Amino acid sequence: MIIPHEQLSDSALRGLMEEFITREGTDYGWVETSLERMVEQVRGQIERGDVVIVFDPATESVSLLTKREARELGND
């Protein structure tokens, strides 16, 4: 189930974005990018609809997925 980002408080959305960014580690290539910059990049992707917030009722968890990943999982 896709959750519109407007339904989350600013602090909840920020926490979700930070968890998403730091989940995979911190090696982002040749140029060091601040957490704040990465949060703004993810926020832009969410606002454009390229990344969506998905709630999984089976696990009661929330994740960020690309629109394509969500579609493949049946979360249109």
PDB file of N, CA and C in Angstrom:
ATOM      1  N   MET A   1       0.842  -1.162   0.000  1.00  0.00           N
ATOM      2  CA  MET A   1       0.000   0.000   0.000  1.00  0.00           C
ATOM      3  C   MET A   1       0.899   1.242   0.000  1.00  0.00           C
ATOM      4  N   ILE A   2       0.709   2.112  -0.996  1.00  0.00           N
ATOM      5  CA  ILE A   2       1.494   3.343  -1.080  1.00  0.00           C
ATOM      6  C   ILE A   2       0.875   4.391  -0.168  1.00  0.00           C
ATOM      7  N   ILE A   3       1.729   5.024   0.619  1.00  0.00           N
ATOM      8  CA  ILE A   3       1.304   6.069   1.550  1.00  0.00           C
ATOM      9  C   ILE A   3       1.764   7.413   0.983  1.00  0.00           C
ATOM     10  N   PRO A   4       0.864   8.364   0.758  1.00  0.00           N
ATOM     11  CA  PRO A   4       1.280   9.689   0.287  1.00  0.00           C
ATOM     12  C   PRO A   4       2.201  10.351   1.316  1.00  0.00           C
ATOM     13  N   HIS A   5       3.290  10.937   0.837  1.00  0.00           N
ATOM     14  CA  HIS A   5       4.263  11.517   1.771  1.00  0.00           C
ATOM     15  C   HIS A   5       3.665  12.650   2.591  1.00  0.00           C
ATOM     16  N   GLU A   6       2.613  13.273   2.095  1.00  0.00           N
ATOM     17  CA  GLU A   6       1.975  14.359   2.838  1.00  0.00           C
ATOM     18  C   GLU A   6       1.296  13.868   4.110  1.00  0.00           C
ATOM     19  N   GLN A   7       1.046  12.568   4.208  1.00  0.00           N
ATOM     20  CA  GLN A   7       0.376  12.020   5.394  1.00  0.00           C
ATOM     21  C   GLN A   7       1.340  11.793   6.555  1.00  0.00           C
ATOM     22  N   LEU A   8       2.638  11.902   6.300  1.00  0.00           N
ATOM     23  CA  LEU A   8       3.623  11.725   7.365  1.00  0.00           C
ATOM     24  C   LEU A   8       4.029  13.082   7.919  1.00  0.00           C
ATOM     25  N   SER A   9       4.331  13.110   9.198  1.00  0.00           N
ATOM     26  CA  SER A   9       4.862  14.335   9.780  1.00  0.00           C
ATOM     27  C   SER A   9       6.260  14.560   9.204  1.00  0.00           C
ATOM     28  N   ASP A  10       6.744  15.792   9.292  1.00  0.00           N
ATOM     29  CA  ASP A  10       8.080  16.093   8.785  1.00  0.00           C
ATOM     30  C   ASP A  10       9.142  15.236   9.472  1.00  0.00           C
ATOM     31  N   SER A  11       9.000  15.043  10.780  1.00  0.00           N
ATOM     32  CA  SER A  11      10.013  14.264  11.505  1.00  0.00           C
ATOM     33  C   SER A  11       9.944  12.783  11.128  1.00  0.00           C
ATOM     34  N   ALA A  12       8.745  12.256  10.919  1.00  0.00           N
ATOM     35  CA  ALA A  12       8.621  10.847  10.514  1.00  0.00           C
ATOM     36  C   ALA A  12       9.200  10.639   9.116  1.00  0.00           C
ATOM     37  N   LEU A  13       8.915  11.556   8.198  1.00  0.00           N
ATOM     38  CA  LEU A  13       9.447  11.453   6.842  1.00  0.00           C
ATOM     39  C   LEU A  13      10.968  11.558   6.858  1.00  0.00           C
ATOM     40  N   ARG A  14      11.487  12.481   7.625  1.00  0.00           N
ATOM     41  CA  ARG A  14      12.943  12.639   7.713  1.00  0.00           C
ATOM     42  C   ARG A  14      13.587  11.370   8.273  1.00  0.00           C
ATOM     43  N   GLY A  15      13.010  10.813   9.324  1.00  0.00           N
ATOM     44  CA  GLY A  15      13.546   9.583   9.904  1.00  0.00           C
ATOM     45  C   GLY A  15      13.541   8.438   8.908  1.00  0.00           C
ATOM     46  N   LEU A  16      12.480   8.328   8.137  1.00  0.00           N
ATOM     47  CA  LEU A  16      12.383   7.286   7.113  1.00  0.00           C
ATOM     48  C   LEU A  16      13.454   7.481   6.041  1.00  0.00           C
ATOM     49  N   MET A  17      13.646   8.732   5.614  1.00  0.00           N
ATOM     50  CA  MET A  17      14.668   9.013   4.603  1.00  0.00           C
ATOM     51  C   MET A  17      16.064   8.724   5.135  1.00  0.00           C
ATOM     52  N   GLU A  18      16.364   9.131   6.365  1.00  0.00           N
ATOM     53  CA  GLU A  18      17.690   8.884   6.944  1.00  0.00           C
ATOM     54  C   GLU A  18      17.958   7.395   7.084  1.00  0.00           C
ATOM     55  N   GLU A  19      16.946   6.642   7.500  1.00  0.00           N
ATOM     56  CA  GLU A  19      17.119   5.186   7.629  1.00  0.00           C
ATOM     57  C   GLU A  19      17.387   4.569   6.265  1.00  0.00           C
ATOM     58  N   PHE A  20      16.670   5.008   5.261  1.00  0.00           N
ATOM     59  CA  PHE A  20      16.845   4.520   3.898  1.00  0.00           C
ATOM     60  C   PHE A  20      18.260   4.822   3.404  1.00  0.00           C
ATOM     61  N   ILE A  21      18.742   6.028   3.634  1.00  0.00           N
ATOM     62  CA  ILE A  21      20.065   6.450   3.165  1.00  0.00           C
ATOM     63  C   ILE A  21      21.177   5.682   3.856  1.00  0.00           C
ATOM     64  N   THR A  22      21.055   5.489   5.151  1.00  0.00           N
ATOM     65  CA  THR A  22      22.139   4.863   5.909  1.00  0.00           C
ATOM     66  C   THR A  22      22.061   3.342   5.942  1.00  0.00           C
ATOM     67  N   ARG A  23      20.986   2.773   5.462  1.00  0.00           N
ATOM     68  CA  ARG A  23      20.786   1.318   5.490  1.00  0.00           C
ATOM     69  C   ARG A  23      21.882   0.567   4.749  1.00  0.00           C
ATOM     70  N   GLU A  24      22.305   1.072   3.615  1.00  0.00           N
ATOM     71  CA  GLU A  24      23.251   0.364   2.757  1.00  0.00           C
ATOM     72  C   GLU A  24      24.708   0.727   3.001  1.00  0.00           C
ATOM     73  N   GLY A  25      25.006   1.492   4.003  1.00  0.00           N
ATOM     74  CA  GLY A  25      26.388   1.887   4.245  1.00  0.00           C
ATOM     75  C   GLY A  25      26.619   3.319   3.810  1.00  0.00           C
ATOM     76  N   THR A  26      27.881   3.712   3.766  1.00  0.00           N
ATOM     77  CA  THR A  26      28.180   5.116   3.507  1.00  0.00           C
ATOM     78  C   THR A  26      29.145   5.350   2.362  1.00  0.00           C
ATOM     79  N   ASP A  27      29.422   4.371   1.533  1.00  0.00           N
ATOM     80  CA  ASP A  27      30.328   4.565   0.405  1.00  0.00           C
ATOM     81  C   ASP A  27      29.520   4.992  -0.812  1.00  0.00           C
ATOM     82  N   TYR A  28      29.568   6.286  -1.117  1.00  0.00           N
ATOM     83  CA  TYR A  28      28.773   6.821  -2.212  1.00  0.00           C
ATOM     84  C   TYR A  28      29.622   7.303  -3.373  1.00  0.00           C
ATOM     85  N   GLY A  29      30.830   6.787  -3.506  1.00  0.00           N
ATOM     86  CA  GLY A  29      31.648   7.157  -4.653  1.00  0.00           C
ATOM     87  C   GLY A  29      32.790   8.072  -4.296  1.00  0.00           C
ATOM     88  N   TRP A  30      33.248   8.763  -5.310  1.00  0.00           N
ATOM     89  CA  TRP A  30      34.451   9.591  -5.176  1.00  0.00           C
ATOM     90  C   TRP A  30      34.230  10.858  -4.373  1.00  0.00           C
ATOM     91  N   VAL A  31      33.043  11.401  -4.396  1.00  0.00           N
ATOM     92  CA  VAL A  31      32.759  12.671  -3.740  1.00  0.00           C
ATOM     93  C   VAL A  31      31.946  12.417  -2.473  1.00  0.00           C
ATOM     94  N   GLU A  32      32.426  12.945  -1.371  1.00  0.00           N
ATOM     95  CA  GLU A  32      31.715  12.828  -0.101  1.00  0.00           C
ATOM     96  C   GLU A  32      30.492  13.738  -0.130  1.00  0.00           C
ATOM     97  N   THR A  33      29.329  13.182   0.186  1.00  0.00           N
ATOM     98  CA  THR A  33      28.087  13.944   0.191  1.00  0.00           C
ATOM     99  C   THR A  33      27.520  13.915   1.605  1.00  0.00           C
ATOM    100  N   SER A  34      27.095  15.071   2.084  1.00  0.00           N
ATOM    101  CA  SER A  34      26.568  15.152   3.442  1.00  0.00           C
ATOM    102  C   SER A  34      25.217  14.463   3.537  1.00  0.00           C
ATOM    103  N   LEU A  35      24.878  14.037   4.738  1.00  0.00           N
ATOM    104  CA  LEU A  35      23.577  13.425   4.983  1.00  0.00           C
ATOM    105  C   LEU A  35      22.472  14.395   4.606  1.00  0.00           C
ATOM    106  N   GLU A  36      22.648  15.661   4.934  1.00  0.00           N
ATOM    107  CA  GLU A  36      21.635  16.669   4.621  1.00  0.00           C
ATOM    108  C   GLU A  36      21.390  16.751   3.116  1.00  0.00           C
ATOM    109  N   ARG A  37      22.439  16.718   2.332  1.00  0.00           N
ATOM    110  CA  ARG A  37      22.311  16.776   0.870  1.00  0.00           C
ATOM    111  C   ARG A  37      21.592  15.525   0.342  1.00  0.00           C
ATOM    112  N   MET A  38      21.945  14.365   0.894  1.00  0.00           N
ATOM    113  CA  MET A  38      21.300  13.127   0.464  1.00  0.00           C
ATOM    114  C   MET A  38      19.817  13.120   0.830  1.00  0.00           C
ATOM    115  N   VAL A  39      19.475  13.643   2.007  1.00  0.00           N
ATOM    116  CA  VAL A  39      18.072  13.736   2.419  1.00  0.00           C
ATOM    117  C   VAL A  39      17.311  14.610   1.432  1.00  0.00           C
ATOM    118  N   GLU A  40      17.894  15.731   1.044  1.00  0.00           N
ATOM    119  CA  GLU A  40      17.228  16.623   0.090  1.00  0.00           C
ATOM    120  C   GLU A  40      17.065  15.950  -1.273  1.00  0.00           C
ATOM    121  N   GLN A  41      18.038  15.150  -1.687  1.00  0.00           N
ATOM    122  CA  GLN A  41      17.927  14.431  -2.952  1.00  0.00           C
ATOM    123  C   GLN A  41      16.782  13.412  -2.898  1.00  0.00           C
ATOM    124  N   VAL A  42      16.700  12.669  -1.797  1.00  0.00           N
ATOM    125  CA  VAL A  42      15.628  11.675  -1.653  1.00  0.00           C
ATOM    126  C   VAL A  42      14.282  12.381  -1.539  1.00  0.00           C
ATOM    127  N   ARG A  43      14.226  13.492  -0.816  1.00  0.00           N
ATOM    128  CA  ARG A  43      12.976  14.254  -0.691  1.00  0.00           C
ATOM    129  C   ARG A  43      12.487  14.683  -2.088  1.00  0.00           C
ATOM    130  N   GLY A  44      13.392  15.145  -2.928  1.00  0.00           N
ATOM    131  CA  GLY A  44      13.024  15.530  -4.284  1.00  0.00           C
ATOM    132  C   GLY A  44      12.479  14.355  -5.070  1.00  0.00           C
ATOM    133  N   GLN A  45      13.096  13.183  -4.907  1.00  0.00           N
ATOM    134  CA  GLN A  45      12.615  11.983  -5.600  1.00  0.00           C
ATOM    135  C   GLN A  45      11.218  11.605  -5.121  1.00  0.00           C
ATOM    136  N   ILE A  46      10.971  11.758  -3.832  1.00  0.00           N
ATOM    137  CA  ILE A  46       9.643  11.463  -3.278  1.00  0.00           C
ATOM    138  C   ILE A  46       8.626  12.466  -3.805  1.00  0.00           C
ATOM    139  N   GLU A  47       8.967  13.751  -3.783  1.00  0.00           N
ATOM    140  CA  GLU A  47       8.031  14.779  -4.238  1.00  0.00           C
ATOM    141  C   GLU A  47       7.713  14.641  -5.728  1.00  0.00           C
ATOM    142  N   ARG A  48       8.674  14.182  -6.528  1.00  0.00           N
ATOM    143  CA  ARG A  48       8.437  13.960  -7.964  1.00  0.00           C
ATOM    144  C   ARG A  48       7.671  12.666  -8.234  1.00  0.00           C
ATOM    145  N   GLY A  49       7.615  11.779  -7.232  1.00  0.00           N
ATOM    146  CA  GLY A  49       6.946  10.502  -7.406  1.00  0.00           C
ATOM    147  C   GLY A  49       7.844   9.407  -7.932  1.00  0.00           C
ATOM    148  N   ASP A  50       9.159   9.675  -8.025  1.00  0.00           N
ATOM    149  CA  ASP A  50      10.104   8.657  -8.476  1.00  0.00           C
ATOM    150  C   ASP A  50      10.326   7.595  -7.405  1.00  0.00           C
ATOM    151  N   VAL A  51      10.202   8.000  -6.145  1.00  0.00           N
ATOM    152  CA  VAL A  51      10.319   7.108  -4.992  1.00  0.00           C
ATOM    153  C   VAL A  51       9.023   7.229  -4.206  1.00  0.00           C
ATOM    154  N   VAL A  52       8.493   6.088  -3.747  1.00  0.00           N
ATOM    155  CA  VAL A  52       7.229   6.087  -3.009  1.00  0.00           C
ATOM    156  C   VAL A  52       7.416   5.434  -1.642  1.00  0.00           C
ATOM    157  N   ILE A  53       6.527   5.773  -0.735  1.00  0.00           N
ATOM    158  CA  ILE A  53       6.511   5.206   0.610  1.00  0.00           C
ATOM    159  C   ILE A  53       5.519   4.059   0.597  1.00  0.00           C
ATOM    160  N   VAL A  54       5.980   2.867   0.961  1.00  0.00           N
ATOM    161  CA  VAL A  54       5.141   1.676   0.908  1.00  0.00           C
ATOM    162  C   VAL A  54       5.017   1.066   2.300  1.00  0.00           C
ATOM    163  N   PHE A  55       3.772   0.828   2.717  1.00  0.00           N
ATOM    164  CA  PHE A  55       3.495   0.142   3.972  1.00  0.00           C
ATOM    165  C   PHE A  55       3.153  -1.303   3.662  1.00  0.00           C
ATOM    166  N   ASP A  56       3.817  -2.228   4.359  1.00  0.00           N
ATOM    167  CA  ASP A  56       3.548  -3.656   4.203  1.00  0.00           C
ATOM    168  C   ASP A  56       2.773  -4.123   5.428  1.00  0.00           C
ATOM    169  N   PRO A  57       1.463  -4.385   5.289  1.00  0.00           N
ATOM    170  CA  PRO A  57       0.663  -4.780   6.450  1.00  0.00           C
ATOM    171  C   PRO A  57       1.085  -6.119   7.041  1.00  0.00           C
ATOM    172  N   ALA A  58       1.671  -7.006   6.236  1.00  0.00           N
ATOM    173  CA  ALA A  58       2.086  -8.318   6.743  1.00  0.00           C
ATOM    174  C   ALA A  58       3.217  -8.179   7.761  1.00  0.00           C
ATOM    175  N   THR A  59       4.148  -7.279   7.491  1.00  0.00           N
ATOM    176  CA  THR A  59       5.288  -7.093   8.402  1.00  0.00           C
ATOM    177  C   THR A  59       5.148  -5.833   9.248  1.00  0.00           C
ATOM    178  N   GLU A  60       4.082  -5.049   8.957  1.00  0.00           N
ATOM    179  CA  GLU A  60       3.851  -3.773   9.628  1.00  0.00           C
ATOM    180  C   GLU A  60       5.086  -2.883   9.538  1.00  0.00           C
ATOM    181  N   SER A  61       5.675  -2.850   8.335  1.00  0.00           N
ATOM    182  CA  SER A  61       6.867  -2.033   8.119  1.00  0.00           C
ATOM    183  C   SER A  61       6.653  -1.064   6.970  1.00  0.00           C
ATOM    184  N   VAL A  62       7.463  -0.030   6.949  1.00  0.00           N
ATOM    185  CA  VAL A  62       7.403   0.995   5.919  1.00  0.00           C
ATOM    186  C   VAL A  62       8.746   1.044   5.227  1.00  0.00           C
ATOM    187  N   SER A  63       8.716   1.181   3.901  1.00  0.00           N
ATOM    188  CA  SER A  63       9.946   1.250   3.117  1.00  0.00           C
ATOM    189  C   SER A  63       9.811   2.293   2.030  1.00  0.00           C
ATOM    190  N   LEU A  64      10.946   2.738   1.541  1.00  0.00           N
ATOM    191  CA  LEU A  64      10.985   3.577   0.360  1.00  0.00           C
ATOM    192  C   LEU A  64      11.372   2.683  -0.811  1.00  0.00           C
ATOM    193  N   LEU A  65      10.605   2.761  -1.882  1.00  0.00           N
ATOM    194  CA  LEU A  65      10.883   1.984  -3.081  1.00  0.00           C
ATOM    195  C   LEU A  65      10.788   2.902  -4.288  1.00  0.00           C
ATOM    196  N   THR A  66      11.502   2.539  -5.340  1.00  0.00           N
ATOM    197  CA  THR A  66      11.292   3.272  -6.579  1.00  0.00           C
ATOM    198  C   THR A  66       9.880   2.957  -7.056  1.00  0.00           C
ATOM    199  N   LYS A  67       9.342   3.838  -7.873  1.00  0.00           N
ATOM    200  CA  LYS A  67       7.999   3.614  -8.410  1.00  0.00           C
ATOM    201  C   LYS A  67       7.950   2.277  -9.144  1.00  0.00           C
ATOM    202  N   ARG A  68       9.012   1.956  -9.868  1.00  0.00           N
ATOM    203  CA  ARG A  68       9.079   0.696 -10.618  1.00  0.00           C
ATOM    204  C   ARG A  68       9.061  -0.514  -9.676  1.00  0.00           C
ATOM    205  N   GLU A  69       9.860  -0.455  -8.597  1.00  0.00           N
ATOM    206  CA  GLU A  69       9.882  -1.561  -7.631  1.00  0.00           C
ATOM    207  C   GLU A  69       8.503  -1.761  -7.019  1.00  0.00           C
ATOM    208  N   ALA A  70       7.840  -0.655  -6.659  1.00  0.00           N
ATOM    209  CA  ALA A  70       6.514  -0.748  -6.058  1.00  0.00           C
ATOM    210  C   ALA A  70       5.527  -1.363  -7.046  1.00  0.00           C
ATOM    211  N   ARG A  71       5.602  -0.952  -8.302  1.00  0.00           N
ATOM    212  CA  ARG A  71       4.704  -1.484  -9.326  1.00  0.00           C
ATOM    213  C   ARG A  71       4.924  -2.990  -9.494  1.00  0.00           C
ATOM    214  N   GLU A  72       6.192  -3.414  -9.505  1.00  0.00           N
ATOM    215  CA  GLU A  72       6.502  -4.836  -9.668  1.00  0.00           C
ATOM    216  C   GLU A  72       5.975  -5.660  -8.505  1.00  0.00           C
ATOM    217  N   LEU A  73       5.892  -5.047  -7.322  1.00  0.00           N
ATOM    218  CA  LEU A  73       5.373  -5.747  -6.147  1.00  0.00           C
ATOM    219  C   LEU A  73       3.851  -5.610  -6.019  1.00  0.00           C
ATOM    220  N   GLY A  74       3.230  -4.941  -6.992  1.00  0.00           N
ATOM    221  CA  GLY A  74       1.777  -4.804  -6.985  1.00  0.00           C
ATOM    222  C   GLY A  74       1.260  -3.681  -6.117  1.00  0.00           C
ATOM    223  N   ASN A  75       2.102  -2.677  -5.837  1.00  0.00           N
ATOM    224  CA  ASN A  75       1.692  -1.533  -5.020  1.00  0.00           C
ATOM    225  C   ASN A  75       1.487  -0.300  -5.897  1.00  0.00           C
ATOM    226  N   ASP A  76       0.519  -0.360  -6.768  1.00  0.00           N
ATOM    227  CA  ASP A  76       0.288   0.778  -7.674  1.00  0.00           C
ATOM    228  C   ASP A  76      -0.349   1.929  -6.997  1.00  0.00           C
TER     229      ASP A  76
END
